[in-house]
PDB file of N, CA and C in Angstrom:
ATOM      1  N   MET A   1     100.518 119.001 143.470  1.00  0.00           N
ATOM      2  CA  MET A   1      99.742 117.733 143.472  1.00  0.00           C
ATOM      3  C   MET A   1     100.100 117.020 142.416  1.00  0.00           C
ATOM      4  N   SER A   2     100.542 115.949 142.178  1.00  0.00           N
ATOM      5  CA  SER A   2     100.795 114.934 140.931  1.00  0.00           C
ATOM      6  C   SER A   2      99.767 113.803 140.870  1.00  0.00           C
ATOM      7  N   ILE A   3      99.528 113.450 139.661  1.00  0.00           N
ATOM      8  CA  ILE A   3      98.791 112.056 139.608  1.00  0.00           C
ATOM      9  C   ILE A   3      99.803 110.842 139.188  1.00  0.00           C
ATOM     10  N   SER A   4      99.618 110.021 139.993  1.00  0.00           N
ATOM     11  CA  SER A   4     100.471 108.565 140.187  1.00  0.00           C
ATOM     12  C   SER A   4      99.940 107.655 139.790  1.00  0.00           C
ATOM     13  N   ALA A   5     100.127 106.665 138.787  1.00  0.00           N
ATOM     14  CA  ALA A   5      99.594 105.612 138.735  1.00  0.00           C
ATOM     15  C   ALA A   5     100.322 104.744 137.812  1.00  0.00           C
ATOM     16  N   SER A   6     100.297 103.123 137.597  1.00  0.00           N
ATOM     17  CA  SER A   6     100.635 102.511 136.679  1.00  0.00           C
ATOM     18  C   SER A   6      99.819 102.436 135.104  1.00  0.00           C
ATOM     19  N   ALA A   7     100.686 102.536 134.200  1.00  0.00           N
ATOM     20  CA  ALA A   7     100.083 102.504 132.764  1.00  0.00           C
ATOM     21  C   ALA A   7     100.396 101.165 132.055  1.00  0.00           C
ATOM     22  N   LEU A   8      99.783 100.586 131.232  1.00  0.00           N
ATOM     23  CA  LEU A   8      99.735  99.271 130.668  1.00  0.00           C
ATOM     24  C   LEU A   8      99.824 100.019 129.301  1.00  0.00           C
ATOM     25  N   GLY A   9     100.813  99.438 128.646  1.00  0.00           N
ATOM     26  CA  GLY A   9     101.259  99.659 127.107  1.00  0.00           C
ATOM     27  C   GLY A   9     101.329  98.492 126.365  1.00  0.00           C
ATOM     28  N   ASP A  10     102.117  98.666 125.450  1.00  0.00           N
ATOM     29  CA  ASP A  10     102.407  97.586 124.428  1.00  0.00           C
ATOM     30  C   ASP A  10     103.869  96.685 124.981  1.00  0.00           C
ATOM     31  N   LEU A  11     103.887  96.858 126.325  1.00  0.00           N
ATOM     32  CA  LEU A  11     104.948  96.112 126.991  1.00  0.00           C
ATOM     33  C   LEU A  11     104.329  95.023 128.332  1.00  0.00           C
ATOM     34  N   PRO A  12     104.693  93.994 128.600  1.00  0.00           N
ATOM     35  CA  PRO A  12     104.491  93.305 129.743  1.00  0.00           C
ATOM     36  C   PRO A  12     104.574  93.629 130.979  1.00  0.00           C
ATOM     37  N   ILE A  13     105.282  94.988 131.128  1.00  0.00           N
ATOM     38  CA  ILE A  13     105.397  95.435 132.426  1.00  0.00           C
ATOM     39  C   ILE A  13     104.841  96.901 132.514  1.00  0.00           C
ATOM     40  N   ALA A  14     104.502  97.158 133.997  1.00  0.00           N
ATOM     41  CA  ALA A  14     103.993  98.448 134.262  1.00  0.00           C
ATOM     42  C   ALA A  14     105.024  99.424 134.332  1.00  0.00           C
ATOM     43  N   VAL A  15     104.653 100.457 133.813  1.00  0.00           N
ATOM     44  CA  VAL A  15     105.315 101.727 134.049  1.00  0.00           C
ATOM     45  C   VAL A  15     104.654 102.695 134.698  1.00  0.00           C
ATOM     46  N   ASN A  16     105.118 103.261 135.874  1.00  0.00           N
ATOM     47  CA  ASN A  16     104.784 104.271 136.562  1.00  0.00           C
ATOM     48  C   ASN A  16     104.876 105.673 136.238  1.00  0.00           C
ATOM     49  N   PHE A  17     103.976 106.535 135.933  1.00  0.00           N
ATOM     50  CA  PHE A  17     103.913 107.603 135.707  1.00  0.00           C
ATOM     51  C   PHE A  17     103.460 108.653 136.797  1.00  0.00           C
ATOM     52  N   ASP A  18     104.244 109.652 136.960  1.00  0.00           N
ATOM     53  CA  ASP A  18     103.711 110.637 138.196  1.00  0.00           C
ATOM     54  C   ASP A  18     103.910 111.889 137.223  1.00  0.00           C
ATOM     55  N   ILE A  19     102.719 112.435 137.119  1.00  0.00           N
ATOM     56  CA  ILE A  19     102.613 113.750 135.944  1.00  0.00           C
ATOM     57  C   ILE A  19     102.000 114.654 137.247  1.00  0.00           C
ATOM     58  N   SER A  20     102.680 115.930 137.306  1.00  0.00           N
ATOM     59  CA  SER A  20     102.027 116.995 137.890  1.00  0.00           C
ATOM     60  C   SER A  20     100.886 117.568 137.104  1.00  0.00           C
ATOM     61  N   GLU A  21      99.708 117.980 138.089  1.00  0.00           N
ATOM     62  CA  GLU A  21      98.504 118.432 137.549  1.00  0.00           C
ATOM     63  C   GLU A  21      98.525 119.371 136.420  1.00  0.00           C
ATOM     64  N   ASP A  22      99.572 120.658 136.641  1.00  0.00           N
ATOM     65  CA  ASP A  22      99.723 121.520 135.643  1.00  0.00           C
ATOM     66  C   ASP A  22     100.494 121.156 134.465  1.00  0.00           C
ATOM     67  N   ALA A  23     101.506 119.796 134.289  1.00  0.00           N
ATOM     68  CA  ALA A  23     102.062 119.268 133.310  1.00  0.00           C
ATOM     69  C   ALA A  23     100.810 118.602 132.536  1.00  0.00           C
ATOM     70  N   LYS A  24      99.951 117.885 133.271  1.00  0.00           N
ATOM     71  CA  LYS A  24      98.879 117.189 132.915  1.00  0.00           C
ATOM     72  C   LYS A  24      97.788 118.266 131.980  1.00  0.00           C
ATOM     73  N   ALA A  25      97.801 119.503 132.595  1.00  0.00           N
ATOM     74  CA  ALA A  25      96.723 120.235 131.988  1.00  0.00           C
ATOM     75  C   ALA A  25      97.472 120.816 130.782  1.00  0.00           C
ATOM     76  N   TYR A  26      98.746 120.880 130.689  1.00  0.00           N
ATOM     77  CA  TYR A  26      99.625 121.681 129.384  1.00  0.00           C
ATOM     78  C   TYR A  26      99.564 120.716 128.471  1.00  0.00           C
ATOM     79  N   ILE A  27      99.673 119.466 128.616  1.00  0.00           N
ATOM     80  CA  ILE A  27      99.653 118.362 127.575  1.00  0.00           C
ATOM     81  C   ILE A  27      98.592 118.127 126.996  1.00  0.00           C
ATOM     82  N   LEU A  28      97.340 117.983 128.029  1.00  0.00           N
ATOM     83  CA  LEU A  28      96.048 117.837 127.489  1.00  0.00           C
ATOM     84  C   LEU A  28      95.518 119.198 126.359  1.00  0.00           C
ATOM     85  N   ALA A  29      96.034 120.205 126.865  1.00  0.00           N
ATOM     86  CA  ALA A  29      95.624 121.593 126.130  1.00  0.00           C
ATOM     87  C   ALA A  29      96.392 121.679 124.786  1.00  0.00           C
ATOM     88  N   GLY A  30      97.571 120.760 124.248  1.00  0.00           N
ATOM     89  CA  GLY A  30      98.218 120.783 123.158  1.00  0.00           C
ATOM     90  C   GLY A  30      97.689 119.540 122.452  1.00  0.00           C
ATOM     91  N   TYR A  31      98.621 118.476 122.085  1.00  0.00           N
ATOM     92  CA  TYR A  31      98.544 117.575 121.525  1.00  0.00           C
ATOM     93  C   TYR A  31      97.713 116.455 122.205  1.00  0.00           C
ATOM     94  N   GLY A  32      97.780 116.105 123.397  1.00  0.00           N
ATOM     95  CA  GLY A  32      97.332 115.248 124.273  1.00  0.00           C
ATOM     96  C   GLY A  32      98.290 114.083 124.130  1.00  0.00           C
ATOM     97  N   CYS A  33      99.577 114.066 123.633  1.00  0.00           N
ATOM     98  CA  CYS A  33     100.413 113.095 123.885  1.00  0.00           C
ATOM     99  C   CYS A  33     101.685 113.383 123.822  1.00  0.00           C
ATOM    100  N   ILE A  34     102.518 112.708 124.337  1.00  0.00           N
ATOM    101  CA  ILE A  34     104.295 113.075 124.493  1.00  0.00           C
ATOM    102  C   ILE A  34     105.109 111.964 123.986  1.00  0.00           C
ATOM    103  N   ILE A  35     106.018 112.138 123.899  1.00  0.00           N
ATOM    104  CA  ILE A  35     107.191 111.315 123.699  1.00  0.00           C
ATOM    105  C   ILE A  35     108.278 111.531 124.871  1.00  0.00           C
ATOM    106  N   VAL A  36     108.475 110.408 125.373  1.00  0.00           N
ATOM    107  CA  VAL A  36     109.528 110.462 126.427  1.00  0.00           C
ATOM    108  C   VAL A  36     110.686 109.524 125.920  1.00  0.00           C
ATOM    109  N   GLU A  37     111.969 110.117 125.628  1.00  0.00           N
ATOM    110  CA  GLU A  37     113.368 109.226 125.481  1.00  0.00           C
ATOM    111  C   GLU A  37     114.359 109.997 125.911  1.00  0.00           C
ATOM    112  N   PHE A  38     115.549 109.386 125.512  1.00  0.00           N
ATOM    113  CA  PHE A  38     117.007 109.798 126.008  1.00  0.00           C
ATOM    114  C   PHE A  38     117.290 110.601 124.688  1.00  0.00           C
ATOM    115  N   GLU A  39     117.872 111.599 125.063  1.00  0.00           N
ATOM    116  CA  GLU A  39     118.473 112.588 124.093  1.00  0.00           C
ATOM    117  C   GLU A  39     120.100 112.927 124.311  1.00  0.00           C
ATOM    118  N   PRO A  40     121.020 112.471 123.465  1.00  0.00           N
ATOM    119  CA  PRO A  40     122.383 112.910 123.942  1.00  0.00           C
ATOM    120  C   PRO A  40     122.760 114.267 124.002  1.00  0.00           C
ATOM    121  N   ILE A  41     123.539 114.617 125.142  1.00  0.00           N
ATOM    122  CA  ILE A  41     123.928 115.996 125.038  1.00  0.00           C
ATOM    123  C   ILE A  41     125.575 115.830 125.654  1.00  0.00           C
ATOM    124  N   VAL A  42     126.010 117.076 124.834  1.00  0.00           N
ATOM    125  CA  VAL A  42     127.654 116.891 125.027  1.00  0.00           C
ATOM    126  C   VAL A  42     127.959 117.511 126.411  1.00  0.00           C
ATOM    127  N   ILE A  43     129.241 116.878 126.944  1.00  0.00           N
ATOM    128  CA  ILE A  43     129.808 117.119 127.918  1.00  0.00           C
ATOM    129  C   ILE A  43     131.224 117.060 127.923  1.00  0.00           C
ATOM    130  N   GLY A  44     132.104 118.178 128.534  1.00  0.00           N
ATOM    131  CA  GLY A  44     133.287 118.345 128.284  1.00  0.00           C
ATOM    132  C   GLY A  44     133.867 118.184 127.016  1.00  0.00           C
ATOM    133  N   CYS A  45     134.852 117.585 126.866  1.00  0.00           N
ATOM    134  CA  CYS A  45     135.453 117.735 125.537  1.00  0.00           C
ATOM    135  C   CYS A  45     135.311 116.467 124.533  1.00  0.00           C
ATOM    136  N   GLY A  46     134.091 116.301 123.871  1.00  0.00           N
ATOM    137  CA  GLY A  46     133.447 115.362 123.231  1.00  0.00           C
ATOM    138  C   GLY A  46     132.725 114.241 123.678  1.00  0.00           C
ATOM    139  N   GLY A  47     132.439 114.424 125.144  1.00  0.00           N
ATOM    140  CA  GLY A  47     131.987 113.390 125.944  1.00  0.00           C
ATOM    141  C   GLY A  47     130.445 113.536 125.514  1.00  0.00           C
ATOM    142  N   PHE A  48     129.706 112.307 125.666  1.00  0.00           N
ATOM    143  CA  PHE A  48     128.154 112.557 125.485  1.00  0.00           C
ATOM    144  C   PHE A  48     127.619 111.764 126.821  1.00  0.00           C
ATOM    145  N   LEU A  49     126.434 112.499 127.303  1.00  0.00           N
ATOM    146  CA  LEU A  49     125.546 111.799 128.257  1.00  0.00           C
ATOM    147  C   LEU A  49     123.859 111.685 127.649  1.00  0.00           C
ATOM    148  N   ASN A  50     123.722 110.407 127.949  1.00  0.00           N
ATOM    149  CA  ASN A  50     122.142 110.372 127.584  1.00  0.00           C
ATOM    150  C   ASN A  50     121.171 111.017 128.565  1.00  0.00           C
ATOM    151  N   ALA A  51     120.348 112.196 128.587  1.00  0.00           N
ATOM    152  CA  ALA A  51     119.869 112.698 129.369  1.00  0.00           C
ATOM    153  C   ALA A  51     118.183 112.359 128.822  1.00  0.00           C
ATOM    154  N   PRO A  52     117.133 112.318 130.296  1.00  0.00           N
ATOM    155  CA  PRO A  52     115.716 112.013 129.681  1.00  0.00           C
ATOM    156  C   PRO A  52     115.105 113.286 129.099  1.00  0.00           C
ATOM    157  N   ALA A  53     114.226 113.061 128.311  1.00  0.00           N
ATOM    158  CA  ALA A  53     113.784 114.491 127.653  1.00  0.00           C
ATOM    159  C   ALA A  53     112.297 113.913 127.413  1.00  0.00           C
ATOM    160  N   VAL A  54     111.417 114.902 127.130  1.00  0.00           N
ATOM    161  CA  VAL A  54     109.924 115.054 126.856  1.00  0.00           C
ATOM    162  C   VAL A  54     109.494 116.033 125.875  1.00  0.00           C
ATOM    163  N   HIS A  55     108.813 115.684 124.769  1.00  0.00           N
ATOM    164  CA  HIS A  55     108.450 116.457 123.730  1.00  0.00           C
ATOM    165  C   HIS A  55     106.755 116.174 123.686  1.00  0.00           C
ATOM    166  N   LEU A  56     106.238 117.419 123.166  1.00  0.00           N
ATOM    167  CA  LEU A  56     104.749 117.376 122.826  1.00  0.00           C
ATOM    168  C   LEU A  56     104.504 116.574 121.489  1.00  0.00           C
ATOM    169  N   GLY A  57     103.689 115.941 121.244  1.00  0.00           N
ATOM    170  CA  GLY A  57     103.373 115.515 119.961  1.00  0.00           C
ATOM    171  C   GLY A  57     103.494 114.019 119.893  1.00  0.00           C
ATOM    172  N   PHE A  58     103.332 113.601 118.593  1.00  0.00           N
ATOM    173  CA  PHE A  58     103.564 112.057 118.036  1.00  0.00           C
ATOM    174  C   PHE A  58     105.030 112.015 117.237  1.00  0.00           C
ATOM    175  N   PRO A  59     105.535 110.819 117.507  1.00  0.00           N
ATOM    176  CA  PRO A  59     106.815 110.040 117.096  1.00  0.00           C
ATOM    177  C   PRO A  59     106.349 110.314 115.291  1.00  0.00           C
ATOM    178  N   LEU A  60     107.507 110.666 114.705  1.00  0.00           N
ATOM    179  CA  LEU A  60     107.466 110.600 113.248  1.00  0.00           C
ATOM    180  C   LEU A  60     107.249 108.870 112.880  1.00  0.00           C
ATOM    181  N   VAL A  61     107.667 107.859 113.394  1.00  0.00           N
ATOM    182  CA  VAL A  61     107.371 106.566 113.146  1.00  0.00           C
ATOM    183  C   VAL A  61     107.165 105.780 114.335  1.00  0.00           C
ATOM    184  N   PRO A  62     105.792 105.731 114.375  1.00  0.00           N
ATOM    185  CA  PRO A  62     105.036 105.179 115.645  1.00  0.00           C
ATOM    186  C   PRO A  62     105.638 103.635 115.749  1.00  0.00           C
ATOM    187  N   GLU A  63     105.834 103.009 114.749  1.00  0.00           N
ATOM    188  CA  GLU A  63     105.988 101.582 114.845  1.00  0.00           C
ATOM    189  C   GLU A  63     107.398 101.353 115.740  1.00  0.00           C
ATOM    190  N   ASN A  64     108.293 102.332 115.936  1.00  0.00           N
ATOM    191  CA  ASN A  64     109.457 102.072 116.626  1.00  0.00           C
ATOM    192  C   ASN A  64     109.156 102.515 118.217  1.00  0.00           C
ATOM    193  N   TYR A  65     108.023 103.032 118.386  1.00  0.00           N
ATOM    194  CA  TYR A  65     107.852 103.010 120.007  1.00  0.00           C
ATOM    195  C   TYR A  65     106.721 102.235 120.477  1.00  0.00           C
ATOM    196  N   ASN A  66     106.840 102.266 121.837  1.00  0.00           N
ATOM    197  CA  ASN A  66     105.798 101.464 122.486  1.00  0.00           C
ATOM    198  C   ASN A  66     104.743 102.864 122.964  1.00  0.00           C
ATOM    199  N   LYS A  67     103.651 102.518 123.328  1.00  0.00           N
ATOM    200  CA  LYS A  67     102.367 103.360 123.465  1.00  0.00           C
ATOM    201  C   LYS A  67     101.900 103.047 124.895  1.00  0.00           C
ATOM    202  N   PHE A  68     101.870 104.088 125.682  1.00  0.00           N
ATOM    203  CA  PHE A  68     101.211 103.776 126.908  1.00  0.00           C
ATOM    204  C   PHE A  68     100.080 104.768 127.185  1.00  0.00           C
ATOM    205  N   MET A  69      98.891 104.532 127.758  1.00  0.00           N
ATOM    206  CA  MET A  69      97.799 105.467 128.154  1.00  0.00           C
ATOM    207  C   MET A  69      97.667 106.002 129.510  1.00  0.00           C
ATOM    208  N   PHE A  70      97.609 107.098 129.959  1.00  0.00           N
ATOM    209  CA  PHE A  70      97.538 107.542 131.188  1.00  0.00           C
ATOM    210  C   PHE A  70      96.865 108.921 131.369  1.00  0.00           C
ATOM    211  N   GLU A  71      95.703 108.465 132.002  1.00  0.00           N
ATOM    212  CA  GLU A  71      95.114 109.755 132.320  1.00  0.00           C
ATOM    213  C   GLU A  71      94.488 110.577 131.345  1.00  0.00           C
ATOM    214  N   GLY A  72      94.466 110.095 130.330  1.00  0.00           N
ATOM    215  CA  GLY A  72      93.854 110.549 128.856  1.00  0.00           C
ATOM    216  C   GLY A  72      94.876 111.225 128.198  1.00  0.00           C
ATOM    217  N   ILE A  73      96.338 110.703 128.487  1.00  0.00           N
ATOM    218  CA  ILE A  73      97.483 111.087 127.744  1.00  0.00           C
ATOM    219  C   ILE A  73      97.720 109.979 127.023  1.00  0.00           C
ATOM    220  N   THR A  74      98.267 110.113 125.940  1.00  0.00           N
ATOM    221  CA  THR A  74      99.280 109.125 125.245  1.00  0.00           C
ATOM    222  C   THR A  74     100.356 109.302 125.245  1.00  0.00           C
ATOM    223  N   ILE A  75     101.423 108.122 125.843  1.00  0.00           N
ATOM    224  CA  ILE A  75     102.749 108.398 125.898  1.00  0.00           C
ATOM    225  C   ILE A  75     103.603 107.712 125.235  1.00  0.00           C
ATOM    226  N   TYR A  76     104.313 107.977 124.588  1.00  0.00           N
ATOM    227  CA  TYR A  76     105.081 107.117 123.347  1.00  0.00           C
ATOM    228  C   TYR A  76     106.932 106.963 124.100  1.00  0.00           C
ATOM    229  N   THR A  77     107.228 105.811 123.977  1.00  0.00           N
ATOM    230  CA  THR A  77     108.671 105.676 124.440  1.00  0.00           C
ATOM    231  C   THR A  77     109.357 104.611 123.374  1.00  0.00           C
ATOM    232  N   PRO A  78     110.472 104.886 122.986  1.00  0.00           N
ATOM    233  CA  PRO A  78     111.230 104.075 122.304  1.00  0.00           C
ATOM    234  C   PRO A  78     111.278 102.839 122.604  1.00  0.00           C
ATOM    235  N   LYS A  79     110.962 101.740 121.684  1.00  0.00           N
ATOM    236  CA  LYS A  79     111.213 100.310 121.889  1.00  0.00           C
ATOM    237  C   LYS A  79     112.614 100.165 122.442  1.00  0.00           C
ATOM    238  N   GLY A  80     112.575  99.226 123.708  1.00  0.00           N
ATOM    239  CA  GLY A  80     113.737  99.078 124.284  1.00  0.00           C
ATOM    240  C   GLY A  80     113.971  99.873 125.443  1.00  0.00           C
ATOM    241  N   TYR A  81     113.102 100.958 125.576  1.00  0.00           N
ATOM    242  CA  TYR A  81     113.596 101.881 126.429  1.00  0.00           C
ATOM    243  C   TYR A  81     113.315 101.600 128.045  1.00  0.00           C
ATOM    244  N   PHE A  82     112.446 100.520 128.146  1.00  0.00           N
ATOM    245  CA  PHE A  82     112.126  99.935 129.676  1.00  0.00           C
ATOM    246  C   PHE A  82     112.576  98.575 129.498  1.00  0.00           C
ATOM    247  N   GLY A  83     113.599  98.154 130.345  1.00  0.00           N
ATOM    248  CA  GLY A  83     113.859  96.729 130.561  1.00  0.00           C
ATOM    249  C   GLY A  83     113.335  96.164 131.719  1.00  0.00           C
ATOM    250  N   SER A  84     112.946  97.061 132.675  1.00  0.00           N
ATOM    251  CA  SER A  84     112.026  96.595 133.772  1.00  0.00           C
ATOM    252  C   SER A  84     111.071  97.568 134.238  1.00  0.00           C
ATOM    253  N   ALA A  85     110.545  97.620 135.306  1.00  0.00           N
ATOM    254  CA  ALA A  85     109.431  98.256 135.852  1.00  0.00           C
ATOM    255  C   ALA A  85     109.964  99.616 136.335  1.00  0.00           C
ATOM    256  N   GLN A  86     109.554 100.691 135.816  1.00  0.00           N
ATOM    257  CA  GLN A  86     110.251 102.130 136.282  1.00  0.00           C
ATOM    258  C   GLN A  86     109.205 103.083 136.385  1.00  0.00           C
ATOM    259  N   THR A  87     109.594 104.234 137.098  1.00  0.00           N
ATOM    260  CA  THR A  87     108.650 105.451 137.550  1.00  0.00           C
ATOM    261  C   THR A  87     109.459 106.694 136.608  1.00  0.00           C
ATOM    262  N   ILE A  88     108.390 107.102 136.011  1.00  0.00           N
ATOM    263  CA  ILE A  88     108.806 108.481 135.341  1.00  0.00           C
ATOM    264  C   ILE A  88     108.069 109.315 135.808  1.00  0.00           C
ATOM    265  N   LYS A  89     108.705 110.494 136.128  1.00  0.00           N
ATOM    266  CA  LYS A  89     107.988 112.004 136.761  1.00  0.00           C
ATOM    267  C   LYS A  89     108.098 112.902 135.723  1.00  0.00           C
ATOM    268  N   ILE A  90     106.791 113.521 135.503  1.00  0.00           N
ATOM    269  CA  ILE A  90     106.802 114.483 134.269  1.00  0.00           C
ATOM    270  C   ILE A  90     106.230 115.945 134.893  1.00  0.00           C
ATOM    271  N   ILE A  91     107.064 116.946 134.995  1.00  0.00           N
ATOM    272  CA  ILE A  91     106.478 118.432 135.647  1.00  0.00           C
ATOM    273  C   ILE A  91     106.536 119.406 134.624  1.00  0.00           C
ATOM    274  N   LEU A  92     105.812 120.471 134.823  1.00  0.00           N
ATOM    275  CA  LEU A  92     105.578 121.881 134.098  1.00  0.00           C
ATOM    276  C   LEU A  92     106.916 122.665 134.659  1.00  0.00           C
ATOM    277  N   ASP A  93     107.803 123.174 133.780  1.00  0.00           N
ATOM    278  CA  ASP A  93     108.808 124.055 134.419  1.00  0.00           C
ATOM    279  C   ASP A  93     108.620 125.630 133.530  1.00  0.00           C
ATOM    280  N   ASN A  94     109.300 126.527 133.754  1.00  0.00           N
ATOM    281  CA  ASN A  94     109.119 127.826 132.966  1.00  0.00           C
ATOM    282  C   ASN A  94     110.809 128.048 132.709  1.00  0.00           C
ATOM    283  N   ARG A  95     110.906 128.050 131.449  1.00  0.00           N
ATOM    284  CA  ARG A  95     112.457 128.369 131.090  1.00  0.00           C
ATOM    285  C   ARG A  95     112.206 129.690 130.068  1.00  0.00           C
ATOM    286  N   GLU A  96     112.707 130.772 130.686  1.00  0.00           N
ATOM    287  CA  GLU A  96     112.712 132.151 129.874  1.00  0.00           C
ATOM    288  C   GLU A  96     111.496 132.668 129.444  1.00  0.00           C
ATOM    289  N   GLY A  97     110.314 132.485 130.654  1.00  0.00           N
ATOM    290  CA  GLY A  97     109.027 132.729 130.153  1.00  0.00           C
ATOM    291  C   GLY A  97     108.474 131.955 129.406  1.00  0.00           C
ATOM    292  N   TYR A  98     108.747 130.564 128.891  1.00  0.00           N
ATOM    293  CA  TYR A  98     107.832 129.839 128.210  1.00  0.00           C
ATOM    294  C   TYR A  98     107.705 128.503 129.125  1.00  0.00           C
ATOM    295  N   PRO A  99     106.371 127.937 128.771  1.00  0.00           N
ATOM    296  CA  PRO A  99     106.366 126.637 129.703  1.00  0.00           C
ATOM    297  C   PRO A  99     107.002 125.501 128.877  1.00  0.00           C
ATOM    298  N   THR A 100     107.709 124.699 129.785  1.00  0.00           N
ATOM    299  CA  THR A 100     108.374 123.615 129.072  1.00  0.00           C
ATOM    300  C   THR A 100     108.290 122.166 130.094  1.00  0.00           C
ATOM    301  N   LEU A 101     108.157 121.169 129.594  1.00  0.00           N
ATOM    302  CA  LEU A 101     107.852 119.874 130.295  1.00  0.00           C
ATOM    303  C   LEU A 101     109.299 119.174 130.703  1.00  0.00           C
ATOM    304  N   GLN A 102     109.468 118.870 131.701  1.00  0.00           N
ATOM    305  CA  GLN A 102     110.542 118.210 132.308  1.00  0.00           C
ATOM    306  C   GLN A 102     110.538 117.036 132.591  1.00  0.00           C
ATOM    307  N   VAL A 103     111.210 115.909 132.495  1.00  0.00           N
ATOM    308  CA  VAL A 103     111.135 114.537 133.062  1.00  0.00           C
ATOM    309  C   VAL A 103     112.501 113.910 133.436  1.00  0.00           C
ATOM    310  N   HIS A 104     112.058 113.303 134.656  1.00  0.00           N
ATOM    311  CA  HIS A 104     113.007 112.507 135.566  1.00  0.00           C
ATOM    312  C   HIS A 104     112.509 111.108 135.540  1.00  0.00           C
ATOM    313  N   ARG A 105     113.587 110.355 135.420  1.00  0.00           N
ATOM    314  CA  ARG A 105     113.743 108.708 135.807  1.00  0.00           C
ATOM    315  C   ARG A 105     113.904 108.420 136.727  1.00  0.00           C
ATOM    316  N   ILE A 106     113.079 107.915 137.453  1.00  0.00           N
ATOM    317  CA  ILE A 106     113.494 107.460 138.921  1.00  0.00           C
ATOM    318  C   ILE A 106     113.293 105.804 138.852  1.00  0.00           C
ATOM    319  N   THR A 107     114.168 105.096 139.277  1.00  0.00           N
ATOM    320  CA  THR A 107     113.923 103.622 139.269  1.00  0.00           C
ATOM    321  C   THR A 107     113.618 103.249 140.384  1.00  0.00           C
TER     322      THR A 107
END
């Protein structure tokens, strides 16, 4: 089961967040806030792909981020990340025995 609703933040558009119950519990047990952004990953011989990523904690330079509130969680996204309404899905996964958050951008 997941929680899905629109969150209003610093932007004039609504962003839909779909966060699984276990991911929500994990986030709230930690910092209570996350950063959702794109990170470059290397593909092939020198090619790059921007993949969505999610991190626990606060951004180092908060003024460079939009802030959303969702179900008691503060979500930061880099300014310019959303040009239109988006849906962001966040789940809890297990990598090599450690809990880790995963994010999927669904248009």
